[in-house]
Amino acid sequence: MTKKHIVIAMYDEKYVASLEIGFLKNAYESIRLETITEESFFEQYFKTPQIIDCLIIDEKLYTESISRQGINQVFVLVSDDSEENKYQYANVISKFSSVKEIIHKVTGKLGISMGISEKQDGEAGTTLIMVYSPVGGVGKTTAAMALCYQLGLLNKRVIYVNFDTIQNYQWIVNREEYIENGLERYMTRHDISVADKLSEEVWQCGFSCAKPFKSSKLSYGIKNSDYLFAIEELKKTNKYDYIVIDTMSDLGELNLSVLDKCDKVITVMDQSAYGVYKVMKFLECINYQDNEKFMFLCNKYYEGGYDYLQQCPVDIIEKIPYLYSQNGCLTLDEIKSNGLMKMAALILL
């Protein structure tokens, strides 16, 4: 069978990489994929007519000269899909569509069968994501909230839940309220109403952010099993596409149970020798060979610093650059303006 030649042209390398991963994972045997992310190469490439089956292109790059190339199928990625009529001879796809949706549309037009599995009727639609780091101070909570925000931008229903013994993430979202509806009683009694009570006590930040407890969970008599019960009941409601659980840095009973129950585990690290050492010790304690479940990313990455990541036997899906904050901790507004965790969100889709 002749493979379909697909070209993706866009200068956003992270976005292109997520599409590339999606196509290669699900239609590898049916396509020949080429990506263009540099302006000079893009201009040189289209100086002459190209014989390709499909072009996926950013709206900013789609010119009249390219529309005259006679490419069989063209998909223009747009920020505002209300301008669909603007592209008379091309298919229009919103940039904020999931990777799965984009691949479905493209492969459908090209008549390609693929391996993306759909959820079966009755199957829970909520994905549990554990965000973990074996070392403190690498920005785990910042990364978790950034992921929630990016998933929210992709029209996904997301809730952030923090499992720390003492919860103090209010600074990031610039809020000061605490849980007030006696949620701890529903947790400790294993009352099935706990999911509704948890959903009531949230801030809306582009995603739902569960409010913190005012005191430590120990002072409320909350045990590890109570946390797990609350999350399991919340998942049953199917109110959310993603539940993002921000966990503590120890690998105790609670974290091991969460790790086992979660569909995805995102480990946050930095490029320091100590940070990499701690992650490697963590890897000795788990089976991380399931590439569908375990993801690793580096936060606070500094290109000018010595990079010990090469010593770690895992693939790093994203290197988030170090961003200075005069307050010592990034706020949600700073997270939003810098597009942190965009790559990770797209891969999760």
C-alpha atoms as a PDB file:
ATOM      1  CA  MET A   1       0.000   0.000   0.000  1.00  0.00           C
ATOM      2  CA  THR A   2       1.287   3.450  -0.911  1.00  0.00           C
ATOM      3  CA  LYS A   3       1.767   5.650   2.116  1.00  0.00           C
ATOM      4  CA  LYS A   4       0.042   9.031   2.207  1.00  0.00           C
ATOM      5  CA  HIS A   5       2.492  11.927   2.265  1.00  0.00           C
ATOM      6  CA  ILE A   6       1.479  14.402   4.990  1.00  0.00           C
ATOM      7  CA  VAL A   7       3.247  17.721   5.626  1.00  0.00           C
ATOM      8  CA  ILE A   8       2.699  19.773   8.801  1.00  0.00           C
ATOM      9  CA  ALA A   9       3.787  23.428   8.491  1.00  0.00           C
ATOM     10  CA  MET A  10       3.753  25.544  11.632  1.00  0.00           C
ATOM     11  CA  TYR A  11       6.375  27.499  13.588  1.00  0.00           C
ATOM     12  CA  ASP A  12       5.103  26.380  17.011  1.00  0.00           C
ATOM     13  CA  GLU A  13       7.473  23.452  17.540  1.00  0.00           C
ATOM     14  CA  LYS A  14       5.693  22.100  20.617  1.00  0.00           C
ATOM     15  CA  TYR A  15       2.340  22.027  18.851  1.00  0.00           C
ATOM     16  CA  VAL A  16       3.856  20.332  15.803  1.00  0.00           C
ATOM     17  CA  ALA A  17       5.611  17.786  18.000  1.00  0.00           C
ATOM     18  CA  SER A  18       2.328  16.796  19.655  1.00  0.00           C
ATOM     19  CA  LEU A  19       0.681  16.257  16.254  1.00  0.00           C
ATOM     20  CA  GLU A  20       3.688  14.309  15.038  1.00  0.00           C
ATOM     21  CA  ILE A  21       3.547  12.001  18.058  1.00  0.00           C
ATOM     22  CA  GLY A  22      -0.183  11.473  17.550  1.00  0.00           C
ATOM     23  CA  PHE A  23       0.117  10.599  13.864  1.00  0.00           C
ATOM     24  CA  LEU A  24       3.082   8.294  14.363  1.00  0.00           C
ATOM     25  CA  LYS A  25       1.413   6.464  17.245  1.00  0.00           C
ATOM     26  CA  ASN A  26      -1.835   5.887  15.397  1.00  0.00           C
ATOM     27  CA  ALA A  27      -1.167   5.830  11.646  1.00  0.00           C
ATOM     28  CA  TYR A  28       2.538   5.025  11.333  1.00  0.00           C
ATOM     29  CA  GLU A  29       2.140   2.266   8.726  1.00  0.00           C
ATOM     30  CA  SER A  30      -0.114   4.360   6.483  1.00  0.00           C
ATOM     31  CA  ILE A  31       1.678   7.724   6.280  1.00  0.00           C
ATOM     32  CA  ARG A  32       4.955   9.410   5.391  1.00  0.00           C
ATOM     33  CA  LEU A  33       5.151  12.435   7.677  1.00  0.00           C
ATOM     34  CA  GLU A  34       7.180  15.598   7.175  1.00  0.00           C
ATOM     35  CA  THR A  35       7.243  18.632   9.475  1.00  0.00           C
ATOM     36  CA  ILE A  36       8.298  22.222   8.769  1.00  0.00           C
ATOM     37  CA  THR A  37       8.933  24.538  11.730  1.00  0.00           C
ATOM     38  CA  GLU A  38      11.539  26.951  10.333  1.00  0.00           C
ATOM     39  CA  GLU A  39      10.649  29.984   8.224  1.00  0.00           C
ATOM     40  CA  SER A  40      13.624  29.722   5.868  1.00  0.00           C
ATOM     41  CA  PHE A  41      12.928  26.069   5.087  1.00  0.00           C
ATOM     42  CA  PHE A  42       9.217  26.762   4.645  1.00  0.00           C
ATOM     43  CA  GLU A  43       9.894  29.440   2.049  1.00  0.00           C
ATOM     44  CA  GLN A  44      12.398  27.250   0.200  1.00  0.00           C
ATOM     45  CA  TYR A  45      10.118  24.193   0.301  1.00  0.00           C
ATOM     46  CA  PHE A  46       7.182  25.890  -1.381  1.00  0.00           C
ATOM     47  CA  LYS A  47       9.169  27.781  -4.011  1.00  0.00           C
ATOM     48  CA  THR A  48       8.366  24.878  -6.315  1.00  0.00           C
ATOM     49  CA  PRO A  49       5.143  22.821  -6.566  1.00  0.00           C
ATOM     50  CA  GLN A  50       5.055  19.912  -4.133  1.00  0.00           C
ATOM     51  CA  ILE A  51       3.438  16.540  -4.746  1.00  0.00           C
ATOM     52  CA  ILE A  52       1.916  15.723  -1.386  1.00  0.00           C
ATOM     53  CA  ASP A  53      -1.375  14.164  -0.319  1.00  0.00           C
ATOM     54  CA  CYS A  54      -2.138  16.391   2.627  1.00  0.00           C
ATOM     55  CA  LEU A  55      -0.944  19.721   4.033  1.00  0.00           C
ATOM     56  CA  ILE A  56      -1.728  20.743   7.615  1.00  0.00           C
ATOM     57  CA  ILE A  57      -0.806  24.414   7.892  1.00  0.00           C
ATOM     58  CA  ASP A  58      -1.069  27.362  10.277  1.00  0.00           C
ATOM     59  CA  GLU A  59      -3.471  30.053   9.060  1.00  0.00           C
ATOM     60  CA  LYS A  60      -0.629  32.590   9.231  1.00  0.00           C
ATOM     61  CA  LEU A  61       1.330  30.607   6.622  1.00  0.00           C
ATOM     62  CA  TYR A  62      -1.500  29.769   4.241  1.00  0.00           C
ATOM     63  CA  THR A  63      -1.094  32.154   1.305  1.00  0.00           C
ATOM     64  CA  GLU A  64      -2.703  32.341  -2.116  1.00  0.00           C
ATOM     65  CA  SER A  65       0.418  30.912  -3.758  1.00  0.00           C
ATOM     66  CA  ILE A  66       0.202  27.818  -1.557  1.00  0.00           C
ATOM     67  CA  SER A  67      -3.525  27.442  -2.251  1.00  0.00           C
ATOM     68  CA  ARG A  68      -2.631  27.250  -5.958  1.00  0.00           C
ATOM     69  CA  GLN A  69      -0.279  24.295  -5.416  1.00  0.00           C
ATOM     70  CA  GLY A  70      -3.097  21.847  -6.145  1.00  0.00           C
ATOM     71  CA  ILE A  71      -2.604  19.804  -2.985  1.00  0.00           C
ATOM     72  CA  ASN A  72      -5.349  17.209  -2.644  1.00  0.00           C
ATOM     73  CA  GLN A  73      -6.267  17.886   0.968  1.00  0.00           C
ATOM     74  CA  VAL A  74      -5.388  21.066   2.886  1.00  0.00           C
ATOM     75  CA  PHE A  75      -6.225  21.602   6.553  1.00  0.00           C
ATOM     76  CA  VAL A  76      -5.849  25.138   7.878  1.00  0.00           C
ATOM     77  CA  LEU A  77      -5.373  25.448  11.645  1.00  0.00           C
ATOM     78  CA  VAL A  78      -7.228  28.550  12.827  1.00  0.00           C
ATOM     79  CA  SER A  79      -7.696  30.371  16.128  1.00  0.00           C
ATOM     80  CA  ASP A  80     -11.249  31.389  15.245  1.00  0.00           C
ATOM     81  CA  ASP A  81     -13.180  28.721  13.352  1.00  0.00           C
ATOM     82  CA  SER A  82     -16.003  31.186  12.677  1.00  0.00           C
ATOM     83  CA  GLU A  83     -13.864  32.298   9.710  1.00  0.00           C
ATOM     84  CA  GLU A  84     -14.419  28.965   7.974  1.00  0.00           C
ATOM     85  CA  ASN A  85     -15.784  30.609   4.806  1.00  0.00           C
ATOM     86  CA  LYS A  86     -12.512  32.492   4.413  1.00  0.00           C
ATOM     87  CA  TYR A  87     -10.824  29.299   3.168  1.00  0.00           C
ATOM     88  CA  GLN A  88     -12.999  28.196   0.274  1.00  0.00           C
ATOM     89  CA  TYR A  89     -10.833  25.318  -0.961  1.00  0.00           C
ATOM     90  CA  ALA A  90      -9.455  24.086   2.371  1.00  0.00           C
ATOM     91  CA  ASN A  91     -10.661  22.256   5.451  1.00  0.00           C
ATOM     92  CA  VAL A  92     -10.701  24.344   8.614  1.00  0.00           C
ATOM     93  CA  ILE A  93      -9.719  22.946  12.028  1.00  0.00           C
ATOM     94  CA  SER A  94      -9.569  24.885  15.284  1.00  0.00           C
ATOM     95  CA  LYS A  95      -6.088  24.974  16.840  1.00  0.00           C
ATOM     96  CA  PHE A  96      -7.765  24.222  20.139  1.00  0.00           C
ATOM     97  CA  SER A  97      -9.122  20.889  18.969  1.00  0.00           C
ATOM     98  CA  SER A  98      -7.596  17.857  20.633  1.00  0.00           C
ATOM     99  CA  VAL A  99      -4.863  15.953  18.845  1.00  0.00           C
ATOM    100  CA  LYS A 100      -7.278  13.025  18.564  1.00  0.00           C
ATOM    101  CA  GLU A 101      -9.920  15.192  16.857  1.00  0.00           C
ATOM    102  CA  ILE A 102      -7.415  16.574  14.349  1.00  0.00           C
ATOM    103  CA  ILE A 103      -6.093  13.108  13.495  1.00  0.00           C
ATOM    104  CA  HIS A 104      -9.642  11.794  13.083  1.00  0.00           C
ATOM    105  CA  LYS A 105     -10.514  14.544  10.613  1.00  0.00           C
ATOM    106  CA  VAL A 106      -7.333  14.214   8.583  1.00  0.00           C
ATOM    107  CA  THR A 107      -7.246  10.425   8.383  1.00  0.00           C
ATOM    108  CA  GLY A 108     -10.974  10.351   7.625  1.00  0.00           C
ATOM    109  CA  LYS A 109     -10.508  12.594   4.590  1.00  0.00           C
ATOM    110  CA  LEU A 110      -7.522  10.537   3.428  1.00  0.00           C
ATOM    111  CA  GLY A 111      -9.276   7.203   3.941  1.00  0.00           C
ATOM    112  CA  ILE A 112      -6.698   5.968   6.444  1.00  0.00           C
ATOM    113  CA  SER A 113      -7.575   3.492   9.176  1.00  0.00           C
ATOM    114  CA  MET A 114      -5.859   4.128  12.465  1.00  0.00           C
ATOM    115  CA  GLY A 115      -5.347   2.723  15.924  1.00  0.00           C
ATOM    116  CA  ILE A 116      -6.946   5.356  18.137  1.00  0.00           C
ATOM    117  CA  SER A 117      -9.210   3.511  20.521  1.00  0.00           C
ATOM    118  CA  GLU A 118     -12.545   5.046  21.398  1.00  0.00           C
ATOM    119  CA  LYS A 119     -14.134   4.740  24.824  1.00  0.00           C
ATOM    120  CA  GLN A 120     -16.757   2.001  24.951  1.00  0.00           C
ATOM    121  CA  ASP A 121     -20.293   2.708  26.121  1.00  0.00           C
ATOM    122  CA  GLY A 122     -20.413   2.776  29.902  1.00  0.00           C
ATOM    123  CA  GLU A 123     -16.686   3.276  30.286  1.00  0.00           C
ATOM    124  CA  ALA A 124     -15.738   6.075  32.669  1.00  0.00           C
ATOM    125  CA  GLY A 125     -14.709   9.153  30.770  1.00  0.00           C
ATOM    126  CA  THR A 126     -12.570  10.666  33.530  1.00  0.00           C
ATOM    127  CA  THR A 127      -8.793  10.405  33.394  1.00  0.00           C
ATOM    128  CA  LEU A 128      -6.898  10.483  36.698  1.00  0.00           C
ATOM    129  CA  ILE A 129      -3.526  12.245  36.483  1.00  0.00           C
ATOM    130  CA  MET A 130      -0.957  12.149  39.276  1.00  0.00           C
ATOM    131  CA  VAL A 131       1.602  14.963  39.297  1.00  0.00           C
ATOM    132  CA  TYR A 132       4.551  13.901  41.417  1.00  0.00           C
ATOM    133  CA  SER A 133       8.140  14.758  42.200  1.00  0.00           C
ATOM    134  CA  PRO A 134      10.522  12.931  44.517  1.00  0.00           C
ATOM    135  CA  VAL A 135      12.307  16.207  45.279  1.00  0.00           C
ATOM    136  CA  GLY A 136      10.843  19.440  46.612  1.00  0.00           C
ATOM    137  CA  GLY A 137      11.212  22.878  45.103  1.00  0.00           C
ATOM    138  CA  VAL A 138      11.055  21.921  41.427  1.00  0.00           C
ATOM    139  CA  GLY A 139       7.703  23.600  40.820  1.00  0.00           C
ATOM    140  CA  LYS A 140       5.446  20.544  40.952  1.00  0.00           C
ATOM    141  CA  THR A 141       2.366  22.505  42.007  1.00  0.00           C
ATOM    142  CA  THR A 142       3.067  25.183  39.410  1.00  0.00           C
ATOM    143  CA  ALA A 143       3.321  22.493  36.716  1.00  0.00           C
ATOM    144  CA  ALA A 144       0.114  20.802  37.909  1.00  0.00           C
ATOM    145  CA  MET A 145      -1.881  24.030  37.772  1.00  0.00           C
ATOM    146  CA  ALA A 146      -0.373  24.964  34.415  1.00  0.00           C
ATOM    147  CA  LEU A 147      -1.475  21.584  33.069  1.00  0.00           C
ATOM    148  CA  CYS A 148      -5.011  22.159  34.373  1.00  0.00           C
ATOM    149  CA  TYR A 149      -5.151  25.567  32.720  1.00  0.00           C
ATOM    150  CA  GLN A 150      -3.910  24.257  29.363  1.00  0.00           C
ATOM    151  CA  LEU A 151      -6.418  21.398  29.410  1.00  0.00           C
ATOM    152  CA  GLY A 152      -9.119  23.940  30.205  1.00  0.00           C
ATOM    153  CA  LEU A 153      -8.109  25.958  27.152  1.00  0.00           C
ATOM    154  CA  LEU A 154      -8.727  22.814  25.127  1.00  0.00           C
ATOM    155  CA  ASN A 155     -12.346  22.803  26.358  1.00  0.00           C
ATOM    156  CA  LYS A 156     -11.783  19.995  28.835  1.00  0.00           C
ATOM    157  CA  ARG A 157     -13.497  19.809  32.218  1.00  0.00           C
ATOM    158  CA  VAL A 158     -10.668  19.748  34.762  1.00  0.00           C
ATOM    159  CA  ILE A 159     -10.397  19.797  38.530  1.00  0.00           C
ATOM    160  CA  TYR A 160      -7.187  20.292  40.528  1.00  0.00           C
ATOM    161  CA  VAL A 161      -6.979  18.477  43.876  1.00  0.00           C
ATOM    162  CA  ASN A 162      -4.077  18.835  46.314  1.00  0.00           C
ATOM    163  CA  PHE A 163      -3.048  15.944  48.584  1.00  0.00           C
ATOM    164  CA  ASP A 164      -0.452  17.798  50.688  1.00  0.00           C
ATOM    165  CA  THR A 165      -0.740  17.431  54.463  1.00  0.00           C
ATOM    166  CA  ILE A 166      -0.664  21.230  54.787  1.00  0.00           C
ATOM    167  CA  GLN A 167      -2.149  22.908  51.733  1.00  0.00           C
ATOM    168  CA  ASN A 168      -0.765  26.339  50.872  1.00  0.00           C
ATOM    169  CA  TYR A 169      -1.222  26.859  47.147  1.00  0.00           C
ATOM    170  CA  GLN A 170      -3.505  29.893  47.604  1.00  0.00           C
ATOM    171  CA  TRP A 171      -0.654  32.201  46.620  1.00  0.00           C
ATOM    172  CA  ILE A 172      -0.548  30.865  43.092  1.00  0.00           C
ATOM    173  CA  VAL A 173      -4.241  31.531  42.393  1.00  0.00           C
ATOM    174  CA  ASN A 174      -4.376  34.713  44.519  1.00  0.00           C
ATOM    175  CA  ARG A 175      -7.274  33.434  46.643  1.00  0.00           C
ATOM    176  CA  GLU A 176      -7.598  33.021  50.403  1.00  0.00           C
ATOM    177  CA  GLU A 177     -10.819  31.070  51.007  1.00  0.00           C
ATOM    178  CA  TYR A 178     -10.832  27.662  52.670  1.00  0.00           C
ATOM    179  CA  ILE A 179     -13.206  24.697  52.563  1.00  0.00           C
ATOM    180  CA  GLU A 180     -16.185  25.530  54.769  1.00  0.00           C
ATOM    181  CA  ASN A 181     -18.857  22.892  54.129  1.00  0.00           C
ATOM    182  CA  GLY A 182     -17.564  20.163  56.420  1.00  0.00           C
ATOM    183  CA  LEU A 183     -16.051  18.168  53.565  1.00  0.00           C
ATOM    184  CA  GLU A 184     -13.835  16.284  56.003  1.00  0.00           C
ATOM    185  CA  ARG A 185     -16.907  14.667  57.600  1.00  0.00           C
ATOM    186  CA  TYR A 186     -18.070  13.302  54.257  1.00  0.00           C
ATOM    187  CA  MET A 187     -14.562  11.998  53.613  1.00  0.00           C
ATOM    188  CA  THR A 188     -14.035  10.303  56.965  1.00  0.00           C
ATOM    189  CA  ARG A 189     -17.539   8.759  56.965  1.00  0.00           C
ATOM    190  CA  HIS A 190     -17.118   7.596  53.363  1.00  0.00           C
ATOM    191  CA  ASP A 191     -20.368   9.313  52.445  1.00  0.00           C
ATOM    192  CA  ILE A 192     -21.076   9.054  48.701  1.00  0.00           C
ATOM    193  CA  SER A 193     -22.144  12.728  48.757  1.00  0.00           C
ATOM    194  CA  VAL A 194     -18.468  13.621  49.127  1.00  0.00           C
ATOM    195  CA  ALA A 195     -18.104  14.102  45.349  1.00  0.00           C
ATOM    196  CA  ASP A 196     -20.831  16.748  45.254  1.00  0.00           C
ATOM    197  CA  LYS A 197     -19.408  18.475  48.329  1.00  0.00           C
ATOM    198  CA  LEU A 198     -15.924  18.533  46.816  1.00  0.00           C
ATOM    199  CA  SER A 199     -17.267  19.995  43.560  1.00  0.00           C
ATOM    200  CA  GLU A 200     -18.977  22.765  45.551  1.00  0.00           C
ATOM    201  CA  GLU A 201     -15.757  23.925  47.172  1.00  0.00           C
ATOM    202  CA  VAL A 202     -13.782  25.071  44.144  1.00  0.00           C
ATOM    203  CA  TRP A 203     -12.378  28.231  42.602  1.00  0.00           C
ATOM    204  CA  GLN A 204     -12.967  28.786  38.897  1.00  0.00           C
ATOM    205  CA  CYS A 205      -9.610  29.649  37.331  1.00  0.00           C
ATOM    206  CA  GLY A 206     -10.109  28.455  33.742  1.00  0.00           C
ATOM    207  CA  PHE A 207     -10.404  25.098  35.512  1.00  0.00           C
ATOM    208  CA  SER A 208     -11.911  24.005  38.818  1.00  0.00           C
ATOM    209  CA  CYS A 209      -9.429  24.300  41.667  1.00  0.00           C
ATOM    210  CA  ALA A 210     -10.445  22.565  44.902  1.00  0.00           C
ATOM    211  CA  LYS A 211     -10.057  24.913  47.857  1.00  0.00           C
ATOM    212  CA  PRO A 212      -7.545  23.971  50.565  1.00  0.00           C
ATOM    213  CA  PHE A 213      -8.241  22.834  54.088  1.00  0.00           C
ATOM    214  CA  LYS A 214      -7.388  25.522  56.638  1.00  0.00           C
ATOM    215  CA  SER A 215      -5.497  23.149  58.920  1.00  0.00           C
ATOM    216  CA  SER A 216      -3.492  19.988  58.310  1.00  0.00           C
ATOM    217  CA  LYS A 217      -5.418  16.929  57.219  1.00  0.00           C
ATOM    218  CA  LEU A 218      -4.234  15.159  60.374  1.00  0.00           C
ATOM    219  CA  SER A 219      -6.103  17.674  62.546  1.00  0.00           C
ATOM    220  CA  TYR A 220      -9.319  16.757  60.716  1.00  0.00           C
ATOM    221  CA  GLY A 221      -8.728  13.041  61.216  1.00  0.00           C
ATOM    222  CA  ILE A 222      -8.481  12.471  57.459  1.00  0.00           C
ATOM    223  CA  LYS A 223      -6.723   9.218  56.576  1.00  0.00           C
ATOM    224  CA  ASN A 224      -5.197   8.143  53.289  1.00  0.00           C
ATOM    225  CA  SER A 225      -8.137   5.852  52.576  1.00  0.00           C
ATOM    226  CA  ASP A 226     -10.486   8.841  52.963  1.00  0.00           C
ATOM    227  CA  TYR A 227      -8.671  10.768  50.242  1.00  0.00           C
ATOM    228  CA  LEU A 228      -8.791   7.792  47.910  1.00  0.00           C
ATOM    229  CA  PHE A 229     -12.503   7.278  48.565  1.00  0.00           C
ATOM    230  CA  ALA A 230     -13.239  10.929  47.728  1.00  0.00           C
ATOM    231  CA  ILE A 231     -11.358  10.736  44.431  1.00  0.00           C
ATOM    232  CA  GLU A 232     -12.985   7.454  43.423  1.00  0.00           C
ATOM    233  CA  GLU A 233     -16.448   8.901  44.100  1.00  0.00           C
ATOM    234  CA  LEU A 234     -15.568  12.066  42.172  1.00  0.00           C
ATOM    235  CA  LYS A 235     -14.467   9.986  39.194  1.00  0.00           C
ATOM    236  CA  LYS A 236     -17.761   8.049  39.229  1.00  0.00           C
ATOM    237  CA  THR A 237     -19.741  11.263  38.669  1.00  0.00           C
ATOM    238  CA  ASN A 238     -18.074  11.802  35.292  1.00  0.00           C
ATOM    239  CA  LYS A 239     -18.282  15.573  35.904  1.00  0.00           C
ATOM    240  CA  TYR A 240     -14.704  16.036  34.776  1.00  0.00           C
ATOM    241  CA  ASP A 241     -12.605  14.890  31.858  1.00  0.00           C
ATOM    242  CA  TYR A 242      -9.481  15.108  34.005  1.00  0.00           C
ATOM    243  CA  ILE A 243      -8.822  14.980  37.733  1.00  0.00           C
ATOM    244  CA  VAL A 244      -5.297  16.269  38.370  1.00  0.00           C
ATOM    245  CA  ILE A 245      -3.912  15.148  41.730  1.00  0.00           C
ATOM    246  CA  ASP A 246      -0.982  17.131  43.138  1.00  0.00           C
ATOM    247  CA  THR A 247       0.779  14.780  45.547  1.00  0.00           C
ATOM    248  CA  MET A 248       3.428  15.009  48.234  1.00  0.00           C
ATOM    249  CA  SER A 249       7.082  14.201  47.535  1.00  0.00           C
ATOM    250  CA  ASP A 250       7.319  11.098  49.711  1.00  0.00           C
ATOM    251  CA  LEU A 251       6.579   7.664  48.312  1.00  0.00           C
ATOM    252  CA  GLY A 252       4.424   6.518  51.176  1.00  0.00           C
ATOM    253  CA  GLU A 253       1.209   4.527  51.291  1.00  0.00           C
ATOM    254  CA  LEU A 254      -1.002   7.283  49.861  1.00  0.00           C
ATOM    255  CA  ASN A 255       1.230   8.094  46.902  1.00  0.00           C
ATOM    256  CA  LEU A 256       1.750   4.434  46.059  1.00  0.00           C
ATOM    257  CA  SER A 257      -2.017   3.915  46.051  1.00  0.00           C
ATOM    258  CA  VAL A 258      -2.587   7.010  43.894  1.00  0.00           C
ATOM    259  CA  LEU A 259       0.172   5.899  41.522  1.00  0.00           C
ATOM    260  CA  ASP A 260      -1.549   2.541  41.134  1.00  0.00           C
ATOM    261  CA  LYS A 261      -5.017   3.995  40.528  1.00  0.00           C
ATOM    262  CA  CYS A 262      -4.073   6.858  38.198  1.00  0.00           C
ATOM    263  CA  ASP A 263      -4.211   6.576  34.417  1.00  0.00           C
ATOM    264  CA  LYS A 264      -1.273   8.941  33.947  1.00  0.00           C
ATOM    265  CA  VAL A 265       1.700   9.787  36.164  1.00  0.00           C
ATOM    266  CA  ILE A 266       3.645  12.967  35.403  1.00  0.00           C
ATOM    267  CA  THR A 267       6.972  13.180  37.211  1.00  0.00           C
ATOM    268  CA  VAL A 268       8.415  16.685  37.498  1.00  0.00           C
ATOM    269  CA  MET A 269      12.179  17.086  37.822  1.00  0.00           C
ATOM    270  CA  ASP A 270      14.898  19.665  37.321  1.00  0.00           C
ATOM    271  CA  GLN A 271      18.259  19.419  35.558  1.00  0.00           C
ATOM    272  CA  SER A 272      20.407  19.416  38.691  1.00  0.00           C
ATOM    273  CA  ALA A 273      22.574  16.484  39.715  1.00  0.00           C
ATOM    274  CA  TYR A 274      20.610  16.074  42.953  1.00  0.00           C
ATOM    275  CA  GLY A 275      17.251  16.301  41.198  1.00  0.00           C
ATOM    276  CA  VAL A 276      18.190  13.665  38.631  1.00  0.00           C
ATOM    277  CA  TYR A 277      19.659  11.462  41.382  1.00  0.00           C
ATOM    278  CA  LYS A 278      16.377  11.581  43.332  1.00  0.00           C
ATOM    279  CA  VAL A 279      14.344  10.706  40.229  1.00  0.00           C
ATOM    280  CA  MET A 280      16.620   7.761  39.437  1.00  0.00           C
ATOM    281  CA  LYS A 281      16.154   6.458  42.982  1.00  0.00           C
ATOM    282  CA  PHE A 282      12.395   6.831  42.504  1.00  0.00           C
ATOM    283  CA  LEU A 283      12.594   4.837  39.266  1.00  0.00           C
ATOM    284  CA  GLU A 284      14.274   1.986  41.139  1.00  0.00           C
ATOM    285  CA  CYS A 285      11.083   1.624  43.196  1.00  0.00           C
ATOM    286  CA  ILE A 286       8.546   1.428  40.376  1.00  0.00           C
ATOM    287  CA  ASN A 287       7.980  -0.157  36.991  1.00  0.00           C
ATOM    288  CA  TYR A 288       7.992   2.874  34.695  1.00  0.00           C
ATOM    289  CA  GLN A 289       8.213   1.000  31.373  1.00  0.00           C
ATOM    290  CA  ASP A 290       4.570   1.721  30.519  1.00  0.00           C
ATOM    291  CA  ASN A 291       5.086   4.644  28.142  1.00  0.00           C
ATOM    292  CA  GLU A 292       1.340   5.230  27.988  1.00  0.00           C
ATOM    293  CA  LYS A 293       1.145   5.860  31.732  1.00  0.00           C
ATOM    294  CA  PHE A 294       4.414   7.516  32.771  1.00  0.00           C
ATOM    295  CA  MET A 295       5.526  10.931  31.527  1.00  0.00           C
ATOM    296  CA  PHE A 296       8.562  12.934  32.628  1.00  0.00           C
ATOM    297  CA  LEU A 297       9.214  16.646  32.294  1.00  0.00           C
ATOM    298  CA  CYS A 298      11.875  19.092  33.411  1.00  0.00           C
ATOM    299  CA  ASN A 299      10.824  22.326  35.066  1.00  0.00           C
ATOM    300  CA  LYS A 300      12.949  25.456  35.623  1.00  0.00           C
ATOM    301  CA  TYR A 301      15.179  24.454  32.730  1.00  0.00           C
ATOM    302  CA  TYR A 302      18.148  26.729  32.075  1.00  0.00           C
ATOM    303  CA  GLU A 303      19.957  26.215  28.770  1.00  0.00           C
ATOM    304  CA  GLY A 304      23.144  27.793  30.081  1.00  0.00           C
ATOM    305  CA  GLY A 305      23.388  25.425  33.028  1.00  0.00           C
ATOM    306  CA  TYR A 306      24.905  21.957  33.152  1.00  0.00           C
ATOM    307  CA  ASP A 307      22.275  19.463  32.097  1.00  0.00           C
ATOM    308  CA  TYR A 308      22.304  16.207  34.085  1.00  0.00           C
ATOM    309  CA  LEU A 309      19.114  15.020  32.379  1.00  0.00           C
ATOM    310  CA  GLN A 310      21.181  12.966  29.934  1.00  0.00           C
ATOM    311  CA  GLN A 311      22.025  10.655  32.828  1.00  0.00           C
ATOM    312  CA  CYS A 312      18.366   9.830  33.422  1.00  0.00           C
ATOM    313  CA  PRO A 313      17.063   6.789  31.474  1.00  0.00           C
ATOM    314  CA  VAL A 314      13.706   8.348  30.495  1.00  0.00           C
ATOM    315  CA  ASP A 315      12.409  10.560  27.699  1.00  0.00           C
ATOM    316  CA  ILE A 316      11.675  14.127  28.765  1.00  0.00           C
ATOM    317  CA  ILE A 317       8.466  15.259  27.043  1.00  0.00           C
ATOM    318  CA  GLU A 318       8.930  18.946  27.804  1.00  0.00           C
ATOM    319  CA  LYS A 319      11.634  21.263  29.149  1.00  0.00           C
ATOM    320  CA  ILE A 320       9.895  24.205  30.769  1.00  0.00           C
ATOM    321  CA  PRO A 321      12.236  27.215  30.837  1.00  0.00           C
ATOM    322  CA  TYR A 322      13.173  28.878  34.099  1.00  0.00           C
ATOM    323  CA  LEU A 323      10.998  31.932  34.599  1.00  0.00           C
ATOM    324  CA  TYR A 324      11.968  34.570  37.117  1.00  0.00           C
ATOM    325  CA  SER A 325       9.285  35.853  39.469  1.00  0.00           C
ATOM    326  CA  GLN A 326      10.054  38.757  41.734  1.00  0.00           C
ATOM    327  CA  ASN A 327       7.784  37.205  44.359  1.00  0.00           C
ATOM    328  CA  GLY A 328       9.676  33.922  44.376  1.00  0.00           C
ATOM    329  CA  CYS A 329       6.760  31.846  43.059  1.00  0.00           C
ATOM    330  CA  LEU A 330       4.894  32.115  39.782  1.00  0.00           C
ATOM    331  CA  THR A 331       1.269  33.194  39.966  1.00  0.00           C
ATOM    332  CA  LEU A 332      -1.490  31.746  37.798  1.00  0.00           C
ATOM    333  CA  ASP A 333      -1.471  34.933  35.714  1.00  0.00           C
ATOM    334  CA  GLU A 334       2.253  34.418  35.005  1.00  0.00           C
ATOM    335  CA  ILE A 335       1.593  30.768  34.201  1.00  0.00           C
ATOM    336  CA  LYS A 336      -1.136  31.750  31.737  1.00  0.00           C
ATOM    337  CA  SER A 337       0.930  34.395  29.972  1.00  0.00           C
ATOM    338  CA  ASN A 338       3.850  32.027  29.395  1.00  0.00           C
ATOM    339  CA  GLY A 339       1.895  29.051  28.028  1.00  0.00           C
ATOM    340  CA  LEU A 340       3.489  26.553  30.415  1.00  0.00           C
ATOM    341  CA  MET A 341       2.623  22.837  29.996  1.00  0.00           C
ATOM    342  CA  LYS A 342       1.021  23.279  26.572  1.00  0.00           C
ATOM    343  CA  MET A 343       3.001  20.390  25.123  1.00  0.00           C
ATOM    344  CA  ALA A 344       2.101  18.042  27.984  1.00  0.00           C
ATOM    345  CA  ALA A 345      -1.597  18.892  27.662  1.00  0.00           C
ATOM    346  CA  LEU A 346      -1.621  18.172  23.948  1.00  0.00           C
ATOM    347  CA  ILE A 347       0.142  14.839  24.446  1.00  0.00           C
ATOM    348  CA  LEU A 348      -2.433  13.837  27.063  1.00  0.00           C
ATOM    349  CA  LEU A 349      -5.196  14.364  24.513  1.00  0.00           C
END
